[in-house]
C-alpha cells in the first residue's frame, strides 16, 4: 500500500483541501479535512502504531473497523479505531502497547 493521495487540482470531484494538524505521540502530523486518523498516519509514513502482545507492529489491516488492529488512544480515550475516526484539527493520538494476554493497555 502506498501513501499516495491525489492532489485536489487533479481530483475530478473538485474538492478543496483544508489542512489540519494532529499530534502522534507528541509529534505534529499534517492531514486534510475528510481523512481518517489512519489515513493521516499512513500519509505521514507510519504503517504501524500499536504493538501486539507478541511484539509485532499493528496498523491498518481491514480498513473498515472490523479487526481492531488500528486502535490507539485519541484525546485520552483508549482503543479508538483510527480507520473509522475522522481526523479533527488538534487531535492527540497516543500509540498503544499491549502486554501479555489479559494484561490490558500498557499506556
PDB file of N, CA and C in Angstrom:
ATOM      1  N   UNK A   1       0.841  -1.164   0.000  1.00  0.00           N
ATOM      2  CA  UNK A   1       0.000   0.000   0.000  1.00  0.00           C
ATOM      3  C   UNK A   1       0.892   1.234   0.000  1.00  0.00           C
ATOM      4  N   UNK A   2       0.577   2.175  -0.857  1.00  0.00           N
ATOM      5  CA  UNK A   2       1.369   3.403  -0.883  1.00  0.00           C
ATOM      6  C   UNK A   2       0.615   4.512  -0.174  1.00  0.00           C
ATOM      7  N   UNK A   3       1.335   5.539   0.176  1.00  0.00           N
ATOM      8  CA  UNK A   3       0.736   6.676   0.872  1.00  0.00           C
ATOM      9  C   UNK A   3       0.451   7.796  -0.113  1.00  0.00           C
ATOM     10  N   UNK A   4       0.038   7.441  -1.320  1.00  0.00           N
ATOM     11  CA  UNK A   4      -0.234   8.435  -2.358  1.00  0.00           C
ATOM     12  C   UNK A   4      -1.637   9.006  -2.183  1.00  0.00           C
ATOM     13  N   UNK A   5      -1.738  10.323  -2.330  1.00  0.00           N
ATOM     14  CA  UNK A   5      -3.042  10.965  -2.294  1.00  0.00           C
ATOM     15  C   UNK A   5      -3.143  11.886  -3.493  1.00  0.00           C
ATOM     16  N   UNK A   6      -4.210  11.763  -4.260  1.00  0.00           N
ATOM     17  CA  UNK A   6      -4.412  12.607  -5.431  1.00  0.00           C
ATOM     18  C   UNK A   6      -4.526  14.065  -4.998  1.00  0.00           C
ATOM     19  N   UNK A   7      -3.896  14.944  -5.744  1.00  0.00           N
ATOM     20  CA  UNK A   7      -3.980  16.368  -5.413  1.00  0.00           C
ATOM     21  C   UNK A   7      -5.399  16.862  -5.661  1.00  0.00           C
ATOM     22  N   UNK A   8      -5.786  17.909  -4.952  1.00  0.00           N
ATOM     23  CA  UNK A   8      -7.121  18.469  -5.119  1.00  0.00           C
ATOM     24  C   UNK A   8      -7.322  18.954  -6.547  1.00  0.00           C
ATOM     25  N   UNK A   9      -6.280  19.521  -7.146  1.00  0.00           N
ATOM     26  CA  UNK A   9      -6.385  20.035  -8.512  1.00  0.00           C
ATOM     27  C   UNK A   9      -6.648  18.913  -9.516  1.00  0.00           C
ATOM     28  N   UNK A  10      -6.141  17.704  -9.254  1.00  0.00           N
ATOM     29  CA  UNK A  10      -6.327  16.584 -10.166  1.00  0.00           C
ATOM     30  C   UNK A  10      -7.554  15.738  -9.877  1.00  0.00           C
ATOM     31  N   UNK A  11      -8.289  16.058  -8.833  1.00  0.00           N
ATOM     32  CA  UNK A  11      -9.447  15.259  -8.440  1.00  0.00           C
ATOM     33  C   UNK A  11     -10.680  15.717  -9.208  1.00  0.00           C
ATOM     34  N   UNK A  12     -11.324  14.838  -9.976  1.00  0.00           N
ATOM     35  CA  UNK A  12     -12.495  15.241 -10.749  1.00  0.00           C
ATOM     36  C   UNK A  12     -13.688  15.656  -9.886  1.00  0.00           C
ATOM     37  N   UNK A  13     -13.662  15.318  -8.601  1.00  0.00           N
ATOM     38  CA  UNK A  13     -14.748  15.719  -7.708  1.00  0.00           C
ATOM     39  C   UNK A  13     -14.712  17.223  -7.458  1.00  0.00           C
ATOM     40  N   UNK A  14     -13.536  17.829  -7.580  1.00  0.00           N
ATOM     41  CA  UNK A  14     -13.394  19.268  -7.393  1.00  0.00           C
ATOM     42  C   UNK A  14     -13.315  19.685  -5.939  1.00  0.00           C
ATOM     43  N   UNK A  15     -12.725  18.846  -5.120  1.00  0.00           N
ATOM     44  CA  UNK A  15     -12.640  19.156  -3.689  1.00  0.00           C
ATOM     45  C   UNK A  15     -11.634  20.275  -3.427  1.00  0.00           C
ATOM     46  N   UNK A  16     -11.781  20.880  -2.274  1.00  0.00           N
ATOM     47  CA  UNK A  16     -10.824  21.878  -1.790  1.00  0.00           C
ATOM     48  C   UNK A  16     -10.214  21.324  -0.517  1.00  0.00           C
ATOM     49  N   UNK A  17      -8.904  21.133  -0.525  1.00  0.00           N
ATOM     50  CA  UNK A  17      -8.239  20.598   0.660  1.00  0.00           C
ATOM     51  C   UNK A  17      -8.061  21.686   1.712  1.00  0.00           C
ATOM     52  N   UNK A  18      -8.558  21.403   2.908  1.00  0.00           N
ATOM     53  CA  UNK A  18      -8.315  22.266   4.066  1.00  0.00           C
ATOM     54  C   UNK A  18      -7.445  21.478   5.015  1.00  0.00           C
ATOM     55  N   UNK A  19      -6.321  22.039   5.379  1.00  0.00           N
ATOM     56  CA  UNK A  19      -5.358  21.293   6.188  1.00  0.00           C
ATOM     57  C   UNK A  19      -5.762  21.255   7.657  1.00  0.00           C
ATOM     58  N   UNK A  20      -5.217  20.244   8.327  1.00  0.00           N
ATOM     59  CA  UNK A  20      -5.375  20.110   9.770  1.00  0.00           C
ATOM     60  C   UNK A  20      -4.085  19.521  10.311  1.00  0.00           C
ATOM     61  N   UNK A  21      -3.891  19.661  11.610  1.00  0.00           N
ATOM     62  CA  UNK A  21      -2.700  19.113  12.263  1.00  0.00           C
ATOM     63  C   UNK A  21      -3.141  18.332  13.487  1.00  0.00           C
ATOM     64  N   UNK A  22      -2.653  17.105  13.595  1.00  0.00           N
ATOM     65  CA  UNK A  22      -2.851  16.281  14.785  1.00  0.00           C
ATOM     66  C   UNK A  22      -1.476  15.999  15.363  1.00  0.00           C
ATOM     67  N   UNK A  23      -1.425  15.513  16.588  1.00  0.00           N
ATOM     68  CA  UNK A  23      -0.142  15.073  17.133  1.00  0.00           C
ATOM     69  C   UNK A  23      -0.200  13.567  17.345  1.00  0.00           C
ATOM     70  N   UNK A  24       0.917  12.916  17.056  1.00  0.00           N
ATOM     71  CA  UNK A  24       1.046  11.474  17.245  1.00  0.00           C
ATOM     72  C   UNK A  24       2.230  11.266  18.172  1.00  0.00           C
ATOM     73  N   UNK A  25       1.942  10.838  19.388  1.00  0.00           N
ATOM     74  CA  UNK A  25       2.979  10.716  20.421  1.00  0.00           C
ATOM     75  C   UNK A  25       3.744  12.028  20.577  1.00  0.00           C
ATOM     76  N   UNK A  26       3.003  13.140  20.498  1.00  0.00           N
ATOM     77  CA  UNK A  26       3.579  14.462  20.688  1.00  0.00           C
ATOM     78  C   UNK A  26       4.214  15.089  19.465  1.00  0.00           C
ATOM     79  N   UNK A  27       4.269  14.373  18.348  1.00  0.00           N
ATOM     80  CA  UNK A  27       4.888  14.882  17.119  1.00  0.00           C
ATOM     81  C   UNK A  27       3.785  15.321  16.154  1.00  0.00           C
ATOM     82  N   UNK A  28       3.845  16.566  15.636  1.00  0.00           N
ATOM     83  CA  UNK A  28       2.812  17.031  14.710  1.00  0.00           C
ATOM     84  C   UNK A  28       2.773  16.210  13.421  1.00  0.00           C
ATOM     85  N   UNK A  29       1.561  15.975  12.930  1.00  0.00           N
ATOM     86  CA  UNK A  29       1.347  15.281  11.662  1.00  0.00           C
ATOM     87  C   UNK A  29       0.246  16.020  10.911  1.00  0.00           C
ATOM     88  N   UNK A  30       0.513  16.362   9.672  1.00  0.00           N
ATOM     89  CA  UNK A  30      -0.450  17.109   8.873  1.00  0.00           C
ATOM     90  C   UNK A  30      -1.364  16.203   8.078  1.00  0.00           C
ATOM     91  N   UNK A  31      -2.574  16.672   7.871  1.00  0.00           N
ATOM     92  CA  UNK A  31      -3.545  15.949   7.067  1.00  0.00           C
ATOM     93  C   UNK A  31      -4.506  16.936   6.447  1.00  0.00           C
ATOM     94  N   UNK A  32      -5.563  16.411   5.849  1.00  0.00           N
ATOM     95  CA  UNK A  32      -6.598  17.262   5.275  1.00  0.00           C
ATOM     96  C   UNK A  32      -7.952  16.840   5.832  1.00  0.00           C
ATOM     97  N   UNK A  33      -8.845  17.805   5.911  1.00  0.00           N
ATOM     98  CA  UNK A  33     -10.198  17.543   6.392  1.00  0.00           C
ATOM     99  C   UNK A  33     -10.818  16.456   5.512  1.00  0.00           C
ATOM    100  N   UNK A  34     -11.432  15.470   6.147  1.00  0.00           N
ATOM    101  CA  UNK A  34     -12.053  14.360   5.446  1.00  0.00           C
ATOM    102  C   UNK A  34     -11.268  13.068   5.559  1.00  0.00           C
ATOM    103  N   UNK A  35      -9.989  13.162   5.929  1.00  0.00           N
ATOM    104  CA  UNK A  35      -9.195  11.954   6.126  1.00  0.00           C
ATOM    105  C   UNK A  35      -9.518  11.337   7.475  1.00  0.00           C
ATOM    106  N   UNK A  36      -9.366  10.022   7.556  1.00  0.00           N
ATOM    107  CA  UNK A  36      -9.422   9.366   8.855  1.00  0.00           C
ATOM    108  C   UNK A  36      -8.066   9.556   9.526  1.00  0.00           C
ATOM    109  N   UNK A  37      -8.014   9.303  10.825  1.00  0.00           N
ATOM    110  CA  UNK A  37      -6.723   9.375  11.514  1.00  0.00           C
ATOM    111  C   UNK A  37      -5.755   8.349  10.939  1.00  0.00           C
ATOM    112  N   UNK A  38      -6.243   7.172  10.557  1.00  0.00           N
ATOM    113  CA  UNK A  38      -5.363   6.172   9.936  1.00  0.00           C
ATOM    114  C   UNK A  38      -4.767   6.713   8.642  1.00  0.00           C
ATOM    115  N   UNK A  39      -5.560   7.401   7.841  1.00  0.00           N
ATOM    116  CA  UNK A  39      -5.061   7.966   6.584  1.00  0.00           C
ATOM    117  C   UNK A  39      -3.993   9.021   6.840  1.00  0.00           C
ATOM    118  N   UNK A  40      -4.179   9.834   7.871  1.00  0.00           N
ATOM    119  CA  UNK A  40      -3.172  10.841   8.217  1.00  0.00           C
ATOM    120  C   UNK A  40      -1.858  10.156   8.583  1.00  0.00           C
ATOM    121  N   UNK A  41      -1.931   9.116   9.409  1.00  0.00           N
ATOM    122  CA  UNK A  41      -0.715   8.410   9.812  1.00  0.00           C
ATOM    123  C   UNK A  41      -0.058   7.712   8.631  1.00  0.00           C
ATOM    124  N   UNK A  42      -0.844   7.052   7.784  1.00  0.00           N
ATOM    125  CA  UNK A  42      -0.285   6.377   6.610  1.00  0.00           C
ATOM    126  C   UNK A  42       0.369   7.372   5.657  1.00  0.00           C
ATOM    127  N   UNK A  43      -0.296   8.502   5.417  1.00  0.00           N
ATOM    128  CA  UNK A  43       0.266   9.516   4.519  1.00  0.00           C
ATOM    129  C   UNK A  43       1.563  10.091   5.077  1.00  0.00           C
ATOM    130  N   UNK A  44       1.699  10.070   6.401  1.00  0.00           N
ATOM    131  CA  UNK A  44       2.920  10.549   7.043  1.00  0.00           C
ATOM    132  C   UNK A  44       4.009   9.494   7.131  1.00  0.00           C
ATOM    133  N   UNK A  45       3.752   8.311   6.578  1.00  0.00           N
ATOM    134  CA  UNK A  45       4.770   7.272   6.540  1.00  0.00           C
ATOM    135  C   UNK A  45       4.736   6.269   7.675  1.00  0.00           C
ATOM    136  N   UNK A  46       3.718   6.338   8.524  1.00  0.00           N
ATOM    137  CA  UNK A  46       3.615   5.372   9.633  1.00  0.00           C
ATOM    138  C   UNK A  46       2.708   4.228   9.231  1.00  0.00           C
ATOM    139  N   UNK A  47       3.249   3.019   9.196  1.00  0.00           N
ATOM    140  CA  UNK A  47       2.459   1.840   8.841  1.00  0.00           C
ATOM    141  C   UNK A  47       1.957   1.104  10.075  1.00  0.00           C
ATOM    142  N   UNK A  48       2.550   1.355  11.238  1.00  0.00           N
ATOM    143  CA  UNK A  48       2.147   0.685  12.480  1.00  0.00           C
ATOM    144  C   UNK A  48       2.144   1.700  13.612  1.00  0.00           C
ATOM    145  N   UNK A  49       1.166   1.571  14.505  1.00  0.00           N
ATOM    146  CA  UNK A  49       1.096   2.473  15.665  1.00  0.00           C
ATOM    147  C   UNK A  49       0.562   1.764  16.899  1.00  0.00           C
ATOM    148  N   UNK A  50       0.592   0.461  16.870  1.00  0.00           N
ATOM    149  CA  UNK A  50       0.217  -0.328  18.039  1.00  0.00           C
ATOM    150  C   UNK A  50       1.145  -1.532  18.080  1.00  0.00           C
ATOM    151  N   UNK A  51       1.478  -1.969  19.282  1.00  0.00           N
ATOM    152  CA  UNK A  51       2.300  -3.161  19.441  1.00  0.00           C
ATOM    153  C   UNK A  51       1.440  -4.267  20.032  1.00  0.00           C
ATOM    154  N   UNK A  52       1.418  -5.404  19.360  1.00  0.00           N
ATOM    155  CA  UNK A  52       0.638  -6.558  19.809  1.00  0.00           C
ATOM    156  C   UNK A  52       1.365  -7.265  20.947  1.00  0.00           C
ATOM    157  N   UNK A  53       0.677  -8.157  21.661  1.00  0.00           N
ATOM    158  CA  UNK A  53       1.314  -8.863  22.779  1.00  0.00           C
ATOM    159  C   UNK A  53       2.611  -9.567  22.397  1.00  0.00           C
ATOM    160  N   UNK A  54       2.709 -10.077  21.183  1.00  0.00           N
ATOM    161  CA  UNK A  54       3.918 -10.764  20.744  1.00  0.00           C
ATOM    162  C   UNK A  54       5.034  -9.827  20.312  1.00  0.00           C
ATOM    163  N   UNK A  55       4.776  -8.517  20.332  1.00  0.00           N
ATOM    164  CA  UNK A  55       5.790  -7.536  19.983  1.00  0.00           C
ATOM    165  C   UNK A  55       5.723  -7.025  18.561  1.00  0.00           C
ATOM    166  N   UNK A  56       4.863  -7.603  17.736  1.00  0.00           N
ATOM    167  CA  UNK A  56       4.749  -7.162  16.347  1.00  0.00           C
ATOM    168  C   UNK A  56       3.981  -5.861  16.217  1.00  0.00           C
ATOM    169  N   UNK A  57       4.316  -5.086  15.193  1.00  0.00           N
ATOM    170  CA  UNK A  57       3.624  -3.830  14.933  1.00  0.00           C
ATOM    171  C   UNK A  57       2.268  -4.063  14.289  1.00  0.00           C
ATOM    172  N   UNK A  58       1.321  -3.216  14.618  1.00  0.00           N
ATOM    173  CA  UNK A  58      -0.017  -3.291  14.045  1.00  0.00           C
ATOM    174  C   UNK A  58      -0.429  -1.902  13.581  1.00  0.00           C
ATOM    175  N   UNK A  59      -1.198  -1.878  12.505  1.00  0.00           N
ATOM    176  CA  UNK A  59      -1.751  -0.644  11.952  1.00  0.00           C
ATOM    177  C   UNK A  59      -3.049  -1.004  11.257  1.00  0.00           C
ATOM    178  N   UNK A  60      -3.253  -0.474  10.054  1.00  0.00           N
ATOM    179  CA  UNK A  60      -4.463  -0.791   9.304  1.00  0.00           C
ATOM    180  C   UNK A  60      -4.342  -2.197   8.731  1.00  0.00           C
ATOM    181  N   UNK A  61      -5.342  -3.025   8.994  1.00  0.00           N
ATOM    182  CA  UNK A  61      -5.398  -4.361   8.400  1.00  0.00           C
ATOM    183  C   UNK A  61      -6.621  -4.446   7.495  1.00  0.00           C
ATOM    184  N   UNK A  62      -7.813  -4.320   8.076  1.00  0.00           N
ATOM    185  CA  UNK A  62      -9.021  -4.431   7.254  1.00  0.00           C
ATOM    186  C   UNK A  62      -9.448  -3.075   6.695  1.00  0.00           C
ATOM    187  N   UNK A  63      -9.202  -2.005   7.435  1.00  0.00           N
ATOM    188  CA  UNK A  63      -9.558  -0.671   6.971  1.00  0.00           C
ATOM    189  C   UNK A  63     -11.032  -0.328   7.064  1.00  0.00           C
ATOM    190  N   UNK A  64     -11.848  -1.208   7.658  1.00  0.00           N
ATOM    191  CA  UNK A  64     -13.285  -0.942   7.764  1.00  0.00           C
ATOM    192  C   UNK A  64     -13.817  -1.078   9.186  1.00  0.00           C
ATOM    193  N   UNK A  65     -12.927  -1.166  10.165  1.00  0.00           N
ATOM    194  CA  UNK A  65     -13.351  -1.174  11.556  1.00  0.00           C
ATOM    195  C   UNK A  65     -13.742  -2.507  12.136  1.00  0.00           C
ATOM    196  N   UNK A  66     -13.413  -3.598  11.469  1.00  0.00           N
ATOM    197  CA  UNK A  66     -13.783  -4.918  11.963  1.00  0.00           C
ATOM    198  C   UNK A  66     -12.695  -5.538  12.833  1.00  0.00           C
ATOM    199  N   UNK A  67     -11.425  -5.376  12.463  1.00  0.00           N
ATOM    200  CA  UNK A  67     -10.355  -6.178  13.074  1.00  0.00           C
ATOM    201  C   UNK A  67      -9.726  -5.576  14.337  1.00  0.00           C
ATOM    202  N   UNK A  68      -9.834  -4.301  14.578  1.00  0.00           N
ATOM    203  CA  UNK A  68      -9.271  -3.633  15.750  1.00  0.00           C
ATOM    204  C   UNK A  68      -7.742  -3.619  15.775  1.00  0.00           C
ATOM    205  N   UNK A  69      -7.083  -3.835  14.632  1.00  0.00           N
ATOM    206  CA  UNK A  69      -5.623  -3.742  14.599  1.00  0.00           C
ATOM    207  C   UNK A  69      -5.151  -2.295  14.652  1.00  0.00           C
ATOM    208  N   UNK A  70      -5.990  -1.354  14.287  1.00  0.00           N
ATOM    209  CA  UNK A  70      -5.562   0.041  14.160  1.00  0.00           C
ATOM    210  C   UNK A  70      -5.911   0.906  15.369  1.00  0.00           C
ATOM    211  N   UNK A  71      -6.122   0.310  16.534  1.00  0.00           N
ATOM    212  CA  UNK A  71      -6.533   1.100  17.694  1.00  0.00           C
ATOM    213  C   UNK A  71      -5.383   1.914  18.278  1.00  0.00           C
ATOM    214  N   UNK A  72      -5.755   3.052  18.831  1.00  0.00           N
ATOM    215  CA  UNK A  72      -4.826   3.938  19.536  1.00  0.00           C
ATOM    216  C   UNK A  72      -5.656   4.760  20.516  1.00  0.00           C
ATOM    217  N   UNK A  73      -4.982   5.518  21.356  1.00  0.00           N
ATOM    218  CA  UNK A  73      -5.658   6.427  22.273  1.00  0.00           C
ATOM    219  C   UNK A  73      -5.794   7.776  21.579  1.00  0.00           C
ATOM    220  N   UNK A  74      -7.014   8.315  21.549  1.00  0.00           N
ATOM    221  CA  UNK A  74      -7.271   9.600  20.902  1.00  0.00           C
ATOM    222  C   UNK A  74      -7.889  10.535  21.928  1.00  0.00           C
ATOM    223  N   UNK A  75      -7.226  11.648  22.168  1.00  0.00           N
ATOM    224  CA  UNK A  75      -7.708  12.647  23.123  1.00  0.00           C
ATOM    225  C   UNK A  75      -8.025  12.020  24.482  1.00  0.00           C
ATOM    226  N   UNK A  76      -7.182  11.067  24.895  1.00  0.00           N
ATOM    227  CA  UNK A  76      -7.321  10.436  26.202  1.00  0.00           C
ATOM    228  C   UNK A  76      -8.247   9.235  26.256  1.00  0.00           C
ATOM    229  N   UNK A  77      -8.908   8.914  25.154  1.00  0.00           N
ATOM    230  CA  UNK A  77      -9.831   7.778  25.113  1.00  0.00           C
ATOM    231  C   UNK A  77      -9.124   6.603  24.428  1.00  0.00           C
ATOM    232  N   UNK A  78      -8.910   5.480  25.147  1.00  0.00           N
ATOM    233  CA  UNK A  78      -8.185   4.349  24.551  1.00  0.00           C
ATOM    234  C   UNK A  78      -9.039   3.538  23.576  1.00  0.00           C
ATOM    235  N   UNK A  79      -8.355   2.744  22.769  1.00  0.00           N
ATOM    236  CA  UNK A  79      -8.978   1.759  21.877  1.00  0.00           C
ATOM    237  C   UNK A  79      -9.893   2.358  20.812  1.00  0.00           C
ATOM    238  N   UNK A  80      -9.493   3.495  20.262  1.00  0.00           N
ATOM    239  CA  UNK A  80     -10.233   4.106  19.157  1.00  0.00           C
ATOM    240  C   UNK A  80      -9.710   3.517  17.851  1.00  0.00           C
ATOM    241  N   UNK A  81     -10.603   3.048  16.991  1.00  0.00           N
ATOM    242  CA  UNK A  81     -10.206   2.505  15.685  1.00  0.00           C
ATOM    243  C   UNK A  81      -9.920   3.673  14.740  1.00  0.00           C
ATOM    244  N   UNK A  82      -8.644   3.861  14.414  1.00  0.00           N
ATOM    245  CA  UNK A  82      -8.237   5.013  13.616  1.00  0.00           C
ATOM    246  C   UNK A  82      -8.740   4.955  12.185  1.00  0.00           C
ATOM    247  N   UNK A  83      -9.078   3.770  11.687  1.00  0.00           N
ATOM    248  CA  UNK A  83      -9.604   3.670  10.325  1.00  0.00           C
ATOM    249  C   UNK A  83     -11.036   4.193  10.235  1.00  0.00           C
ATOM    250  N   UNK A  84     -11.709   4.325  11.354  1.00  0.00           N
ATOM    251  CA  UNK A  84     -13.098   4.793  11.388  1.00  0.00           C
ATOM    252  C   UNK A  84     -13.240   6.222  11.906  1.00  0.00           C
ATOM    253  N   UNK A  85     -12.214   6.743  12.530  1.00  0.00           N
ATOM    254  CA  UNK A  85     -12.307   8.046  13.209  1.00  0.00           C
ATOM    255  C   UNK A  85     -11.827   9.169  12.302  1.00  0.00           C
ATOM    256  N   UNK A  86     -12.732  10.092  11.917  1.00  0.00           N
ATOM    257  CA  UNK A  86     -12.291  11.239  11.123  1.00  0.00           C
ATOM    258  C   UNK A  86     -11.286  12.078  11.917  1.00  0.00           C
ATOM    259  N   UNK A  87     -10.256  12.531  11.236  1.00  0.00           N
ATOM    260  CA  UNK A  87      -9.265  13.392  11.883  1.00  0.00           C
ATOM    261  C   UNK A  87      -9.873  14.770  12.115  1.00  0.00           C
ATOM    262  N   UNK A  88      -9.570  15.331  13.269  1.00  0.00           N
ATOM    263  CA  UNK A  88     -10.008  16.691  13.598  1.00  0.00           C
ATOM    264  C   UNK A  88      -8.792  17.493  14.014  1.00  0.00           C
ATOM    265  N   UNK A  89      -8.742  18.730  13.589  1.00  0.00           N
ATOM    266  CA  UNK A  89      -7.610  19.584  13.927  1.00  0.00           C
ATOM    267  C   UNK A  89      -7.397  19.585  15.437  1.00  0.00           C
ATOM    268  N   UNK A  90      -6.169  19.314  15.855  1.00  0.00           N
ATOM    269  CA  UNK A  90      -5.836  19.314  17.270  1.00  0.00           C
ATOM    270  C   UNK A  90      -5.939  17.968  17.962  1.00  0.00           C
ATOM    271  N   UNK A  91      -6.399  16.928  17.265  1.00  0.00           N
ATOM    272  CA  UNK A  91      -6.468  15.599  17.883  1.00  0.00           C
ATOM    273  C   UNK A  91      -5.100  15.181  18.404  1.00  0.00           C
ATOM    274  N   UNK A  92      -5.091  14.522  19.563  1.00  0.00           N
ATOM    275  CA  UNK A  92      -3.858  13.984  20.150  1.00  0.00           C
ATOM    276  C   UNK A  92      -3.946  12.462  20.132  1.00  0.00           C
ATOM    277  N   UNK A  93      -3.105  11.841  19.316  1.00  0.00           N
ATOM    278  CA  UNK A  93      -3.072  10.386  19.179  1.00  0.00           C
ATOM    279  C   UNK A  93      -1.870   9.861  19.945  1.00  0.00           C
ATOM    280  N   UNK A  94      -2.095   8.838  20.769  1.00  0.00           N
ATOM    281  CA  UNK A  94      -1.009   8.186  21.510  1.00  0.00           C
ATOM    282  C   UNK A  94      -1.046   6.709  21.154  1.00  0.00           C
ATOM    283  N   UNK A  95       0.089   6.187  20.708  1.00  0.00           N
ATOM    284  CA  UNK A  95       0.147   4.778  20.340  1.00  0.00           C
ATOM    285  C   UNK A  95      -0.040   3.911  21.574  1.00  0.00           C
ATOM    286  N   UNK A  96      -0.496   2.686  21.354  1.00  0.00           N
ATOM    287  CA  UNK A  96      -0.771   1.758  22.447  1.00  0.00           C
ATOM    288  C   UNK A  96       0.138   0.546  22.357  1.00  0.00           C
ATOM    289  N   UNK A  97       0.480   0.017  23.514  1.00  0.00           N
ATOM    290  CA  UNK A  97       1.252  -1.215  23.608  1.00  0.00           C
ATOM    291  C   UNK A  97       0.481  -2.174  24.486  1.00  0.00           C
ATOM    292  N   UNK A  98       0.307  -3.373  24.015  1.00  0.00           N
ATOM    293  CA  UNK A  98      -0.395  -4.390  24.800  1.00  0.00           C
ATOM    294  C   UNK A  98       0.625  -5.315  25.431  1.00  0.00           C
ATOM    295  N   UNK A  99       0.415  -5.616  26.692  1.00  0.00           N
ATOM    296  CA  UNK A  99       1.275  -6.576  27.373  1.00  0.00           C
ATOM    297  C   UNK A  99       0.823  -7.985  27.054  1.00  0.00           C
ATOM    298  N   UNK A 100       1.269  -8.952  27.824  1.00  0.00           N
ATOM    299  CA  UNK A 100       0.829 -10.334  27.623  1.00  0.00           C
ATOM    300  C   UNK A 100      -0.690 -10.436  27.723  1.00  0.00           C
ATOM    301  N   UNK A 101      -1.263 -11.442  27.132  1.00  0.00           N
ATOM    302  CA  UNK A 101      -2.715 -11.622  27.101  1.00  0.00           C
ATOM    303  C   UNK A 101      -3.331 -11.380  28.469  1.00  0.00           C
ATOM    304  N   UNK A 102      -4.367 -10.530  28.490  1.00  0.00           N
ATOM    305  CA  UNK A 102      -5.069 -10.231  29.726  1.00  0.00           C
ATOM    306  C   UNK A 102      -4.452  -9.108  30.537  1.00  0.00           C
ATOM    307  N   UNK A 103      -3.329  -8.563  30.104  1.00  0.00           N
ATOM    308  CA  UNK A 103      -2.661  -7.518  30.876  1.00  0.00           C
ATOM    309  C   UNK A 103      -3.243  -6.142  30.617  1.00  0.00           C
ATOM    310  N   UNK A 104      -3.975  -5.960  29.502  1.00  0.00           N
ATOM    311  CA  UNK A 104      -4.565  -4.667  29.194  1.00  0.00           C
ATOM    312  C   UNK A 104      -3.554  -3.718  28.595  1.00  0.00           C
ATOM    313  N   UNK A 105      -3.957  -2.458  28.479  1.00  0.00           N
ATOM    314  CA  UNK A 105      -3.107  -1.453  27.844  1.00  0.00           C
ATOM    315  C   UNK A 105      -1.975  -1.050  28.765  1.00  0.00           C
ATOM    316  N   UNK A 106      -0.792  -0.987  28.201  1.00  0.00           N
ATOM    317  CA  UNK A 106       0.363  -0.554  28.980  1.00  0.00           C
ATOM    318  C   UNK A 106       0.436   0.957  29.043  1.00  0.00           C
ATOM    319  N   UNK A 107      -0.176   1.611  28.051  1.00  0.00           N
ATOM    320  CA  UNK A 107      -0.296   3.073  28.075  1.00  0.00           C
ATOM    321  C   UNK A 107      -1.387   3.521  27.181  1.00  0.00           C
TER     322      UNK A 107
END
